[in-house]
Amino acid sequence: MKTDIGLTGNTDVVYRTMLRHSRWSPEELSDALGWPLAEVADHLGQMRADGLVTASADKAGAYRAVEPALALPALVLRCFRKLDEDVMRSRFGGVQGVIALRDRYAEQYRHNKGLRGFDEMAATVERYATGADEEITFLVPRYVPGAVEFSAQLAESALRRNVTLRPIWAAELMQLGPAEDYARWLDNRCAAPRFVAKVPAWAVLIDKRVAVTIDSAGVVEVQWDERALGTLYTAAERLWCQGARTRGSMTPAGMDGGTDRLESVLSLLSDGLTDDAVARRLGVSVRTVRNDVASTMKVLESRSRFQAGATAARLGLI
């Protein structure tokens, strides 16, 4: 028998059960449901393939339910061509009902207990990110398998809605195979991460209206305060402009040349020096300076050399 959200009866029960807590091991689910472990494992395997569950970022061997607002609409869309209009309307109505029920539970949960761990952060980000209209920025200081910053499902959902993704990663992630594979996946979708030497905070910023952060103790916070958001967005903008797109360079994306020379060029531009004067000061050719100037103006969206230097100073690049 099918439920109104398009899942078999037992899968529906497993999914709704998993929404009650942050994460479950197969053994915990087996005990809670009173089902054989093998049956639970079969359901988890199918649910993972359907994008309903994912591996926990906090506990090895455990799983967490992907938020209904992200998982269920995607599941409905995958089934769209197989359904007639009446069935589609009924099923989507069921999806909306589960999402609304989950939202009420999640709101109550946030008031009664603090959020902790990457699984709670992921669930919170998924709820807010599905409503993003413009941009999602990720500040990622290190790699944690299963963390929401490495979710292809979340990225695909955002990109389908023409939401801009701006992943800002610490340079050390370039040396990690799984992170490198995901970076290549993003690059193929025109959402390549930018790398900086150090990312000072772990956060996901959504549409300049809300941010979800996690600290070194694993405490998750949702930031709505304008001052706190302003600080995070200023830092994110500076890092995005500084970031390198490729492993071969840690210079601002789109620029050629070493970091020290670029910083010097930017500084001299802000002082109003001519190309010849900058070249003499730095001991390079005028052509090299002009290439740097052109790249700098393009990246910083500046109409003049002086404006490029001033913008670089405002963003903390010099």
C-alpha atoms as a PDB file:
ATOM      1  CA  MET A   1       0.000   0.000   0.000  1.00  0.00           C
ATOM      2  CA  LYS A   2       1.185   3.563  -0.780  1.00  0.00           C
ATOM      3  CA  THR A   3       0.863   6.505   1.555  1.00  0.00           C
ATOM      4  CA  ASP A   4      -0.032   9.986   0.413  1.00  0.00           C
ATOM      5  CA  ILE A   5       3.640  10.988   0.244  1.00  0.00           C
ATOM      6  CA  GLY A   6       4.559   8.207  -2.119  1.00  0.00           C
ATOM      7  CA  LEU A   7       6.387   5.852   0.264  1.00  0.00           C
ATOM      8  CA  THR A   8       5.535   2.271   1.036  1.00  0.00           C
ATOM      9  CA  GLY A   9       3.811   1.939   4.386  1.00  0.00           C
ATOM     10  CA  ASN A  10       6.830   0.590   6.280  1.00  0.00           C
ATOM     11  CA  THR A  11       9.247   3.092   4.751  1.00  0.00           C
ATOM     12  CA  ASP A  12       6.887   5.889   5.718  1.00  0.00           C
ATOM     13  CA  VAL A  13       6.905   4.620   9.321  1.00  0.00           C
ATOM     14  CA  VAL A  14      10.714   4.454   9.402  1.00  0.00           C
ATOM     15  CA  TYR A  15      11.084   7.961   7.979  1.00  0.00           C
ATOM     16  CA  ARG A  16       8.576   9.544  10.348  1.00  0.00           C
ATOM     17  CA  THR A  17      10.203   7.728  13.284  1.00  0.00           C
ATOM     18  CA  MET A  18      13.634   9.026  12.319  1.00  0.00           C
ATOM     19  CA  LEU A  19      12.343  12.612  12.322  1.00  0.00           C
ATOM     20  CA  ARG A  20      11.849  12.372  16.096  1.00  0.00           C
ATOM     21  CA  HIS A  21      15.586  12.489  16.864  1.00  0.00           C
ATOM     22  CA  SER A  22      18.797  13.816  15.349  1.00  0.00           C
ATOM     23  CA  ARG A  23      20.274  10.448  14.454  1.00  0.00           C
ATOM     24  CA  TRP A  24      19.649   6.735  14.747  1.00  0.00           C
ATOM     25  CA  SER A  25      21.771   3.627  14.537  1.00  0.00           C
ATOM     26  CA  PRO A  26      20.137   0.652  12.785  1.00  0.00           C
ATOM     27  CA  GLU A  27      20.060  -1.139  16.138  1.00  0.00           C
ATOM     28  CA  GLU A  28      18.241   1.757  17.818  1.00  0.00           C
ATOM     29  CA  LEU A  29      15.657   1.818  15.049  1.00  0.00           C
ATOM     30  CA  SER A  30      15.201  -1.939  15.280  1.00  0.00           C
ATOM     31  CA  ASP A  31      14.522  -1.660  19.025  1.00  0.00           C
ATOM     32  CA  ALA A  32      12.208   1.354  18.643  1.00  0.00           C
ATOM     33  CA  LEU A  33      10.140  -0.252  15.883  1.00  0.00           C
ATOM     34  CA  GLY A  34      10.300  -3.829  17.116  1.00  0.00           C
ATOM     35  CA  TRP A  35      11.406  -4.994  13.682  1.00  0.00           C
ATOM     36  CA  PRO A  36      14.233  -7.357  12.673  1.00  0.00           C
ATOM     37  CA  LEU A  37      17.547  -5.566  12.133  1.00  0.00           C
ATOM     38  CA  ALA A  38      17.795  -6.911   8.574  1.00  0.00           C
ATOM     39  CA  GLU A  39      14.432  -5.367   7.667  1.00  0.00           C
ATOM     40  CA  VAL A  40      15.464  -2.000   9.108  1.00  0.00           C
ATOM     41  CA  ALA A  41      18.761  -2.173   7.209  1.00  0.00           C
ATOM     42  CA  ASP A  42      16.895  -2.829   3.946  1.00  0.00           C
ATOM     43  CA  HIS A  43      14.694   0.206   4.498  1.00  0.00           C
ATOM     44  CA  LEU A  44      17.685   2.401   5.334  1.00  0.00           C
ATOM     45  CA  GLY A  45      19.450   1.317   2.173  1.00  0.00           C
ATOM     46  CA  GLN A  46      16.464   2.186   0.006  1.00  0.00           C
ATOM     47  CA  MET A  47      15.840   5.457   1.845  1.00  0.00           C
ATOM     48  CA  ARG A  48      19.448   6.492   1.372  1.00  0.00           C
ATOM     49  CA  ALA A  49      19.164   5.790  -2.352  1.00  0.00           C
ATOM     50  CA  ASP A  50      15.984   7.918  -2.432  1.00  0.00           C
ATOM     51  CA  GLY A  51      17.667  10.825  -0.618  1.00  0.00           C
ATOM     52  CA  LEU A  52      15.518  10.466   2.505  1.00  0.00           C
ATOM     53  CA  VAL A  53      18.355   9.639   4.890  1.00  0.00           C
ATOM     54  CA  THR A  54      22.083  10.284   4.964  1.00  0.00           C
ATOM     55  CA  ALA A  55      25.011   9.147   7.060  1.00  0.00           C
ATOM     56  CA  SER A  56      25.414  10.927  10.391  1.00  0.00           C
ATOM     57  CA  ALA A  57      28.226  13.461  10.635  1.00  0.00           C
ATOM     58  CA  ASP A  58      28.463  12.931  14.404  1.00  0.00           C
ATOM     59  CA  LYS A  59      28.254   9.161  14.911  1.00  0.00           C
ATOM     60  CA  ALA A  60      29.831   6.471  12.740  1.00  0.00           C
ATOM     61  CA  GLY A  61      27.365   3.882  11.469  1.00  0.00           C
ATOM     62  CA  ALA A  62      24.329   6.022  12.308  1.00  0.00           C
ATOM     63  CA  TYR A  63      21.915   7.860  10.011  1.00  0.00           C
ATOM     64  CA  ARG A  64      19.862  11.029  10.112  1.00  0.00           C
ATOM     65  CA  ALA A  65      16.661  11.849   8.256  1.00  0.00           C
ATOM     66  CA  VAL A  66      17.082  14.515   5.598  1.00  0.00           C
ATOM     67  CA  GLU A  67      14.634  17.318   6.340  1.00  0.00           C
ATOM     68  CA  PRO A  68      11.227  16.828   4.648  1.00  0.00           C
ATOM     69  CA  ALA A  69      11.398  20.298   3.108  1.00  0.00           C
ATOM     70  CA  LEU A  70      14.443  19.149   1.146  1.00  0.00           C
ATOM     71  CA  ALA A  71      13.917  15.411   0.704  1.00  0.00           C
ATOM     72  CA  LEU A  72      10.228  15.029  -0.096  1.00  0.00           C
ATOM     73  CA  PRO A  73       9.773  17.631  -2.857  1.00  0.00           C
ATOM     74  CA  ALA A  74      12.823  16.157  -4.604  1.00  0.00           C
ATOM     75  CA  LEU A  75      11.299  12.689  -4.311  1.00  0.00           C
ATOM     76  CA  VAL A  76       8.023  13.920  -5.776  1.00  0.00           C
ATOM     77  CA  LEU A  77       9.831  15.600  -8.667  1.00  0.00           C
ATOM     78  CA  ARG A  78      11.665  12.379  -9.503  1.00  0.00           C
ATOM     79  CA  CYS A  79       8.314  10.596  -9.705  1.00  0.00           C
ATOM     80  CA  PHE A  80       6.533  13.390 -11.562  1.00  0.00           C
ATOM     81  CA  ARG A  81       6.506  11.880 -15.034  1.00  0.00           C
ATOM     82  CA  LYS A  82       5.022   8.631 -13.765  1.00  0.00           C
ATOM     83  CA  LEU A  83       2.016  10.223 -12.093  1.00  0.00           C
ATOM     84  CA  ASP A  84      -1.266  11.596 -13.325  1.00  0.00           C
ATOM     85  CA  GLU A  85      -2.444  15.030 -12.180  1.00  0.00           C
ATOM     86  CA  ASP A  86      -4.811  13.829  -9.449  1.00  0.00           C
ATOM     87  CA  VAL A  87      -2.234  11.513  -7.877  1.00  0.00           C
ATOM     88  CA  MET A  88       0.406  14.219  -8.098  1.00  0.00           C
ATOM     89  CA  ARG A  89      -1.837  16.740  -6.326  1.00  0.00           C
ATOM     90  CA  SER A  90      -2.699  14.247  -3.584  1.00  0.00           C
ATOM     91  CA  ARG A  91       0.889  13.254  -3.033  1.00  0.00           C
ATOM     92  CA  PHE A  92       2.209  16.795  -2.946  1.00  0.00           C
ATOM     93  CA  GLY A  93      -0.485  17.672  -0.423  1.00  0.00           C
ATOM     94  CA  GLY A  94       0.775  14.853   1.771  1.00  0.00           C
ATOM     95  CA  VAL A  95       4.323  16.152   1.443  1.00  0.00           C
ATOM     96  CA  GLN A  96       3.239  19.615   2.548  1.00  0.00           C
ATOM     97  CA  GLY A  97       1.496  18.101   5.543  1.00  0.00           C
ATOM     98  CA  VAL A  98       4.609  16.236   6.687  1.00  0.00           C
ATOM     99  CA  ILE A  99       6.722  19.371   6.234  1.00  0.00           C
ATOM    100  CA  ALA A 100       4.294  21.433   8.314  1.00  0.00           C
ATOM    101  CA  LEU A 101       4.218  18.769  11.022  1.00  0.00           C
ATOM    102  CA  ARG A 102       7.999  18.655  11.113  1.00  0.00           C
ATOM    103  CA  ASP A 103       8.232  22.448  11.310  1.00  0.00           C
ATOM    104  CA  ARG A 104       5.972  22.514  14.377  1.00  0.00           C
ATOM    105  CA  TYR A 105       8.006  19.798  16.058  1.00  0.00           C
ATOM    106  CA  ALA A 106      11.313  21.461  15.189  1.00  0.00           C
ATOM    107  CA  GLU A 107      10.185  24.817  16.578  1.00  0.00           C
ATOM    108  CA  GLN A 108       9.127  23.217  19.830  1.00  0.00           C
ATOM    109  CA  TYR A 109      12.376  21.284  20.012  1.00  0.00           C
ATOM    110  CA  ARG A 110      14.487  24.408  19.559  1.00  0.00           C
ATOM    111  CA  HIS A 111      12.765  26.107  22.472  1.00  0.00           C
ATOM    112  CA  ASN A 112      13.140  23.137  24.831  1.00  0.00           C
ATOM    113  CA  LYS A 113      16.695  22.051  24.102  1.00  0.00           C
ATOM    114  CA  GLY A 114      19.866  23.606  22.676  1.00  0.00           C
ATOM    115  CA  LEU A 115      21.081  22.407  19.315  1.00  0.00           C
ATOM    116  CA  ARG A 116      24.362  20.478  19.246  1.00  0.00           C
ATOM    117  CA  GLY A 117      26.418  18.671  16.664  1.00  0.00           C
ATOM    118  CA  PHE A 118      26.710  18.633  12.892  1.00  0.00           C
ATOM    119  CA  ASP A 119      23.532  16.607  12.443  1.00  0.00           C
ATOM    120  CA  GLU A 120      21.466  19.283  14.189  1.00  0.00           C
ATOM    121  CA  MET A 121      23.255  21.944  12.184  1.00  0.00           C
ATOM    122  CA  ALA A 122      22.468  20.088   8.953  1.00  0.00           C
ATOM    123  CA  ALA A 123      18.778  19.756   9.794  1.00  0.00           C
ATOM    124  CA  THR A 124      18.566  23.452  10.671  1.00  0.00           C
ATOM    125  CA  VAL A 125      20.373  24.545   7.511  1.00  0.00           C
ATOM    126  CA  GLU A 126      18.172  22.310   5.354  1.00  0.00           C
ATOM    127  CA  ARG A 127      15.024  23.906   6.768  1.00  0.00           C
ATOM    128  CA  TYR A 128      16.188  27.452   6.069  1.00  0.00           C
ATOM    129  CA  ALA A 129      18.063  26.773   2.828  1.00  0.00           C
ATOM    130  CA  THR A 130      15.003  25.362   1.089  1.00  0.00           C
ATOM    131  CA  GLY A 131      13.516  28.859   1.337  1.00  0.00           C
ATOM    132  CA  ALA A 132      16.594  30.627  -0.058  1.00  0.00           C
ATOM    133  CA  ASP A 133      15.923  32.948  -2.986  1.00  0.00           C
ATOM    134  CA  GLU A 134      19.305  34.476  -3.784  1.00  0.00           C
ATOM    135  CA  GLU A 135      22.461  33.129  -2.183  1.00  0.00           C
ATOM    136  CA  ILE A 136      23.902  30.592   0.237  1.00  0.00           C
ATOM    137  CA  THR A 137      27.441  31.125   1.536  1.00  0.00           C
ATOM    138  CA  PHE A 138      29.349  28.339   3.308  1.00  0.00           C
ATOM    139  CA  LEU A 139      32.278  29.070   5.637  1.00  0.00           C
ATOM    140  CA  VAL A 140      34.084  25.741   6.097  1.00  0.00           C
ATOM    141  CA  PRO A 141      37.242  25.554   8.239  1.00  0.00           C
ATOM    142  CA  ARG A 142      37.678  21.758   8.008  1.00  0.00           C
ATOM    143  CA  TYR A 143      36.246  18.598   6.480  1.00  0.00           C
ATOM    144  CA  VAL A 144      33.644  16.576   8.369  1.00  0.00           C
ATOM    145  CA  PRO A 145      32.114  13.675   6.410  1.00  0.00           C
ATOM    146  CA  GLY A 146      28.343  14.027   6.314  1.00  0.00           C
ATOM    147  CA  ALA A 147      28.350  17.744   7.170  1.00  0.00           C
ATOM    148  CA  VAL A 148      25.730  19.771   5.315  1.00  0.00           C
ATOM    149  CA  GLU A 149      28.415  21.837   3.566  1.00  0.00           C
ATOM    150  CA  PHE A 150      29.231  18.746   1.508  1.00  0.00           C
ATOM    151  CA  SER A 151      25.638  17.819   0.660  1.00  0.00           C
ATOM    152  CA  ALA A 152      25.091  17.348  -3.073  1.00  0.00           C
ATOM    153  CA  GLN A 153      21.367  17.087  -2.381  1.00  0.00           C
ATOM    154  CA  LEU A 154      21.232  20.539  -0.795  1.00  0.00           C
ATOM    155  CA  ALA A 155      23.402  22.023  -3.539  1.00  0.00           C
ATOM    156  CA  GLU A 156      21.254  20.546  -6.311  1.00  0.00           C
ATOM    157  CA  SER A 157      18.077  21.837  -4.688  1.00  0.00           C
ATOM    158  CA  ALA A 158      19.511  25.359  -4.489  1.00  0.00           C
ATOM    159  CA  LEU A 159      20.929  25.355  -8.011  1.00  0.00           C
ATOM    160  CA  ARG A 160      17.597  24.181  -9.460  1.00  0.00           C
ATOM    161  CA  ARG A 161      16.084  27.364  -8.040  1.00  0.00           C
ATOM    162  CA  ASN A 162      18.925  29.508  -9.454  1.00  0.00           C
ATOM    163  CA  VAL A 163      20.279  30.219  -5.974  1.00  0.00           C
ATOM    164  CA  THR A 164      23.957  31.223  -6.020  1.00  0.00           C
ATOM    165  CA  LEU A 165      26.289  29.010  -3.969  1.00  0.00           C
ATOM    166  CA  ARG A 166      29.470  30.483  -2.482  1.00  0.00           C
ATOM    167  CA  PRO A 167      31.531  27.792  -0.713  1.00  0.00           C
ATOM    168  CA  ILE A 168      34.576  29.236   1.098  1.00  0.00           C
ATOM    169  CA  TRP A 169      36.927  26.481   2.269  1.00  0.00           C
ATOM    170  CA  ALA A 170      40.131  26.367   4.288  1.00  0.00           C
ATOM    171  CA  ALA A 171      43.131  25.554   2.079  1.00  0.00           C
ATOM    172  CA  GLU A 172      43.811  22.292   3.918  1.00  0.00           C
ATOM    173  CA  LEU A 173      40.694  20.777   2.329  1.00  0.00           C
ATOM    174  CA  MET A 174      42.445  20.788  -1.051  1.00  0.00           C
ATOM    175  CA  GLN A 175      44.586  17.886   0.152  1.00  0.00           C
ATOM    176  CA  LEU A 176      41.644  15.648   1.078  1.00  0.00           C
ATOM    177  CA  GLY A 177      40.329  13.277  -1.588  1.00  0.00           C
ATOM    178  CA  PRO A 178      36.597  13.337  -0.692  1.00  0.00           C
ATOM    179  CA  ALA A 179      36.589  17.123  -0.370  1.00  0.00           C
ATOM    180  CA  GLU A 180      38.490  17.457  -3.652  1.00  0.00           C
ATOM    181  CA  ASP A 181      35.960  15.204  -5.401  1.00  0.00           C
ATOM    182  CA  TYR A 182      33.085  17.320  -4.112  1.00  0.00           C
ATOM    183  CA  ALA A 183      34.900  20.515  -5.145  1.00  0.00           C
ATOM    184  CA  ARG A 184      35.196  19.105  -8.673  1.00  0.00           C
ATOM    185  CA  TRP A 185      31.496  18.224  -8.613  1.00  0.00           C
ATOM    186  CA  LEU A 186      30.657  21.802  -7.629  1.00  0.00           C
ATOM    187  CA  ASP A 187      33.012  23.193 -10.256  1.00  0.00           C
ATOM    188  CA  ASN A 188      31.164  21.274 -12.949  1.00  0.00           C
ATOM    189  CA  ARG A 189      28.019  23.107 -11.852  1.00  0.00           C
ATOM    190  CA  CYS A 190      29.657  26.552 -11.873  1.00  0.00           C
ATOM    191  CA  ALA A 191      29.701  26.673  -8.065  1.00  0.00           C
ATOM    192  CA  ALA A 192      33.377  25.986  -7.373  1.00  0.00           C
ATOM    193  CA  PRO A 193      34.634  26.628  -3.840  1.00  0.00           C
ATOM    194  CA  ARG A 194      37.240  29.259  -3.145  1.00  0.00           C
ATOM    195  CA  PHE A 195      40.141  28.472  -0.858  1.00  0.00           C
ATOM    196  CA  VAL A 196      41.712  30.716   1.761  1.00  0.00           C
ATOM    197  CA  ALA A 197      44.511  30.072   4.227  1.00  0.00           C
ATOM    198  CA  LYS A 198      42.172  30.033   7.221  1.00  0.00           C
ATOM    199  CA  VAL A 199      38.400  30.236   7.728  1.00  0.00           C
ATOM    200  CA  PRO A 200      37.744  31.884  11.121  1.00  0.00           C
ATOM    201  CA  ALA A 201      34.214  30.542  11.716  1.00  0.00           C
ATOM    202  CA  TRP A 202      32.005  27.622  10.686  1.00  0.00           C
ATOM    203  CA  ALA A 203      28.771  29.032   9.319  1.00  0.00           C
ATOM    204  CA  VAL A 204      26.130  28.869   6.602  1.00  0.00           C
ATOM    205  CA  LEU A 205      24.690  32.249   5.578  1.00  0.00           C
ATOM    206  CA  ILE A 206      21.365  32.337   3.761  1.00  0.00           C
ATOM    207  CA  ASP A 207      20.031  35.310   1.780  1.00  0.00           C
ATOM    208  CA  LYS A 208      21.611  37.819   4.173  1.00  0.00           C
ATOM    209  CA  ARG A 209      18.720  37.183   6.536  1.00  0.00           C
ATOM    210  CA  VAL A 210      19.838  34.255   8.682  1.00  0.00           C
ATOM    211  CA  ALA A 211      23.020  32.354   9.526  1.00  0.00           C
ATOM    212  CA  VAL A 212      23.552  28.988  11.187  1.00  0.00           C
ATOM    213  CA  THR A 213      26.827  28.577  13.078  1.00  0.00           C
ATOM    214  CA  ILE A 214      28.565  25.846  15.061  1.00  0.00           C
ATOM    215  CA  ASP A 215      31.378  26.471  17.538  1.00  0.00           C
ATOM    216  CA  SER A 216      34.316  24.335  18.659  1.00  0.00           C
ATOM    217  CA  ALA A 217      32.179  22.797  21.423  1.00  0.00           C
ATOM    218  CA  GLY A 218      29.547  21.687  18.900  1.00  0.00           C
ATOM    219  CA  VAL A 219      26.929  24.246  19.935  1.00  0.00           C
ATOM    220  CA  VAL A 220      24.685  25.305  17.047  1.00  0.00           C
ATOM    221  CA  GLU A 221      23.135  28.763  16.919  1.00  0.00           C
ATOM    222  CA  VAL A 222      20.734  30.452  14.519  1.00  0.00           C
ATOM    223  CA  GLN A 223      21.720  34.082  14.013  1.00  0.00           C
ATOM    224  CA  TRP A 224      19.027  36.648  13.197  1.00  0.00           C
ATOM    225  CA  ASP A 225      20.563  39.718  14.813  1.00  0.00           C
ATOM    226  CA  GLU A 226      21.481  42.319  12.183  1.00  0.00           C
ATOM    227  CA  ARG A 227      24.773  43.202  13.834  1.00  0.00           C
ATOM    228  CA  ALA A 228      25.903  39.574  14.088  1.00  0.00           C
ATOM    229  CA  LEU A 229      24.817  38.911  10.517  1.00  0.00           C
ATOM    230  CA  GLY A 230      26.623  42.024   9.319  1.00  0.00           C
ATOM    231  CA  THR A 231      29.868  40.864  10.917  1.00  0.00           C
ATOM    232  CA  LEU A 232      29.590  37.416   9.357  1.00  0.00           C
ATOM    233  CA  TYR A 233      28.744  38.757   5.914  1.00  0.00           C
ATOM    234  CA  THR A 234      31.581  41.280   5.974  1.00  0.00           C
ATOM    235  CA  ALA A 235      34.033  38.510   6.814  1.00  0.00           C
ATOM    236  CA  ALA A 236      32.535  36.222   4.163  1.00  0.00           C
ATOM    237  CA  GLU A 237      32.755  38.914   1.472  1.00  0.00           C
ATOM    238  CA  ARG A 238      36.401  39.579   2.302  1.00  0.00           C
ATOM    239  CA  LEU A 239      37.270  35.878   2.214  1.00  0.00           C
ATOM    240  CA  TRP A 240      35.364  35.332  -1.044  1.00  0.00           C
ATOM    241  CA  CYS A 241      37.342  38.093  -2.751  1.00  0.00           C
ATOM    242  CA  GLN A 242      40.616  36.757  -1.364  1.00  0.00           C
ATOM    243  CA  GLY A 243      39.892  33.131  -2.183  1.00  0.00           C
ATOM    244  CA  ALA A 244      41.601  31.087  -4.884  1.00  0.00           C
ATOM    245  CA  ARG A 245      39.587  28.813  -7.158  1.00  0.00           C
ATOM    246  CA  THR A 246      42.339  26.325  -7.931  1.00  0.00           C
ATOM    247  CA  ARG A 247      44.882  24.327  -5.940  1.00  0.00           C
ATOM    248  CA  GLY A 248      47.676  25.968  -7.909  1.00  0.00           C
ATOM    249  CA  SER A 249      47.173  29.458  -6.494  1.00  0.00           C
ATOM    250  CA  MET A 250      46.093  31.171  -3.323  1.00  0.00           C
ATOM    251  CA  THR A 251      45.611  34.532  -5.046  1.00  0.00           C
ATOM    252  CA  PRO A 252      42.236  36.174  -5.574  1.00  0.00           C
ATOM    253  CA  ALA A 253      40.218  34.225  -8.139  1.00  0.00           C
ATOM    254  CA  GLY A 254      40.829  35.432 -11.672  1.00  0.00           C
ATOM    255  CA  MET A 255      44.178  37.101 -10.934  1.00  0.00           C
ATOM    256  CA  ASP A 256      47.657  36.078 -12.107  1.00  0.00           C
ATOM    257  CA  GLY A 257      50.892  36.475 -10.206  1.00  0.00           C
ATOM    258  CA  GLY A 258      52.124  36.077  -6.668  1.00  0.00           C
ATOM    259  CA  THR A 259      50.200  37.235  -3.642  1.00  0.00           C
ATOM    260  CA  ASP A 260      52.924  39.646  -2.485  1.00  0.00           C
ATOM    261  CA  ARG A 261      53.099  41.425  -5.856  1.00  0.00           C
ATOM    262  CA  LEU A 262      49.323  41.649  -6.152  1.00  0.00           C
ATOM    263  CA  GLU A 263      49.048  43.171  -2.714  1.00  0.00           C
ATOM    264  CA  SER A 264      51.726  45.702  -3.664  1.00  0.00           C
ATOM    265  CA  VAL A 265      49.987  46.521  -6.943  1.00  0.00           C
ATOM    266  CA  LEU A 266      46.682  47.032  -5.137  1.00  0.00           C
ATOM    267  CA  SER A 267      48.320  49.244  -2.545  1.00  0.00           C
ATOM    268  CA  LEU A 268      50.066  51.393  -5.139  1.00  0.00           C
ATOM    269  CA  LEU A 269      46.876  51.672  -7.171  1.00  0.00           C
ATOM    270  CA  SER A 270      45.103  53.073  -4.138  1.00  0.00           C
ATOM    271  CA  ASP A 271      47.829  55.757  -4.000  1.00  0.00           C
ATOM    272  CA  GLY A 272      47.071  56.731  -7.593  1.00  0.00           C
ATOM    273  CA  LEU A 273      50.405  55.710  -9.180  1.00  0.00           C
ATOM    274  CA  THR A 274      50.670  55.203 -12.945  1.00  0.00           C
ATOM    275  CA  ASP A 275      51.419  51.823 -14.533  1.00  0.00           C
ATOM    276  CA  ASP A 276      54.995  52.916 -15.295  1.00  0.00           C
ATOM    277  CA  ALA A 277      55.540  54.066 -11.729  1.00  0.00           C
ATOM    278  CA  VAL A 278      54.153  50.812 -10.297  1.00  0.00           C
ATOM    279  CA  ALA A 279      56.369  48.768 -12.661  1.00  0.00           C
ATOM    280  CA  ARG A 280      59.494  50.691 -11.635  1.00  0.00           C
ATOM    281  CA  ARG A 281      58.630  50.418  -7.951  1.00  0.00           C
ATOM    282  CA  LEU A 282      58.134  46.639  -8.159  1.00  0.00           C
ATOM    283  CA  GLY A 283      60.826  45.850 -10.713  1.00  0.00           C
ATOM    284  CA  VAL A 284      58.462  44.172 -13.193  1.00  0.00           C
ATOM    285  CA  SER A 285      57.382  44.983 -16.738  1.00  0.00           C
ATOM    286  CA  VAL A 286      54.668  47.500 -17.524  1.00  0.00           C
ATOM    287  CA  ARG A 287      52.772  44.706 -19.318  1.00  0.00           C
ATOM    288  CA  THR A 288      52.752  42.612 -16.109  1.00  0.00           C
ATOM    289  CA  VAL A 289      51.379  45.531 -14.141  1.00  0.00           C
ATOM    290  CA  ARG A 290      48.682  46.195 -16.741  1.00  0.00           C
ATOM    291  CA  ASN A 291      47.636  42.529 -16.669  1.00  0.00           C
ATOM    292  CA  ASP A 292      47.413  42.695 -12.893  1.00  0.00           C
ATOM    293  CA  VAL A 293      45.458  45.947 -13.072  1.00  0.00           C
ATOM    294  CA  ALA A 294      42.992  44.528 -15.589  1.00  0.00           C
ATOM    295  CA  SER A 295      42.460  41.368 -13.536  1.00  0.00           C
ATOM    296  CA  THR A 296      42.079  43.372 -10.348  1.00  0.00           C
ATOM    297  CA  MET A 297      39.489  45.724 -11.836  1.00  0.00           C
ATOM    298  CA  LYS A 298      37.504  42.807 -13.262  1.00  0.00           C
ATOM    299  CA  VAL A 299      37.443  40.816 -10.027  1.00  0.00           C
ATOM    300  CA  LEU A 300      36.619  43.835  -7.877  1.00  0.00           C
ATOM    301  CA  GLU A 301      34.093  45.176 -10.421  1.00  0.00           C
ATOM    302  CA  SER A 302      35.833  48.557 -10.467  1.00  0.00           C
ATOM    303  CA  ARG A 303      35.721  51.216 -13.188  1.00  0.00           C
ATOM    304  CA  SER A 304      39.124  52.702 -12.409  1.00  0.00           C
ATOM    305  CA  ARG A 305      42.452  51.688 -10.944  1.00  0.00           C
ATOM    306  CA  PHE A 306      41.944  53.963  -7.980  1.00  0.00           C
ATOM    307  CA  GLN A 307      38.503  52.492  -7.287  1.00  0.00           C
ATOM    308  CA  ALA A 308      40.005  48.978  -7.427  1.00  0.00           C
ATOM    309  CA  GLY A 309      42.612  49.933  -4.850  1.00  0.00           C
ATOM    310  CA  ALA A 310      40.031  51.576  -2.618  1.00  0.00           C
ATOM    311  CA  THR A 311      37.726  48.556  -2.871  1.00  0.00           C
ATOM    312  CA  ALA A 312      40.583  46.211  -2.049  1.00  0.00           C
ATOM    313  CA  ALA A 313      41.396  48.275   1.030  1.00  0.00           C
ATOM    314  CA  ARG A 314      37.762  48.262   2.148  1.00  0.00           C
ATOM    315  CA  LEU A 315      37.582  44.479   1.805  1.00  0.00           C
ATOM    316  CA  GLY A 316      40.816  43.980   3.723  1.00  0.00           C
ATOM    317  CA  LEU A 317      42.844  42.676   0.766  1.00  0.00           C
ATOM    318  CA  ILE A 318      45.622  45.199   1.453  1.00  0.00           C
END
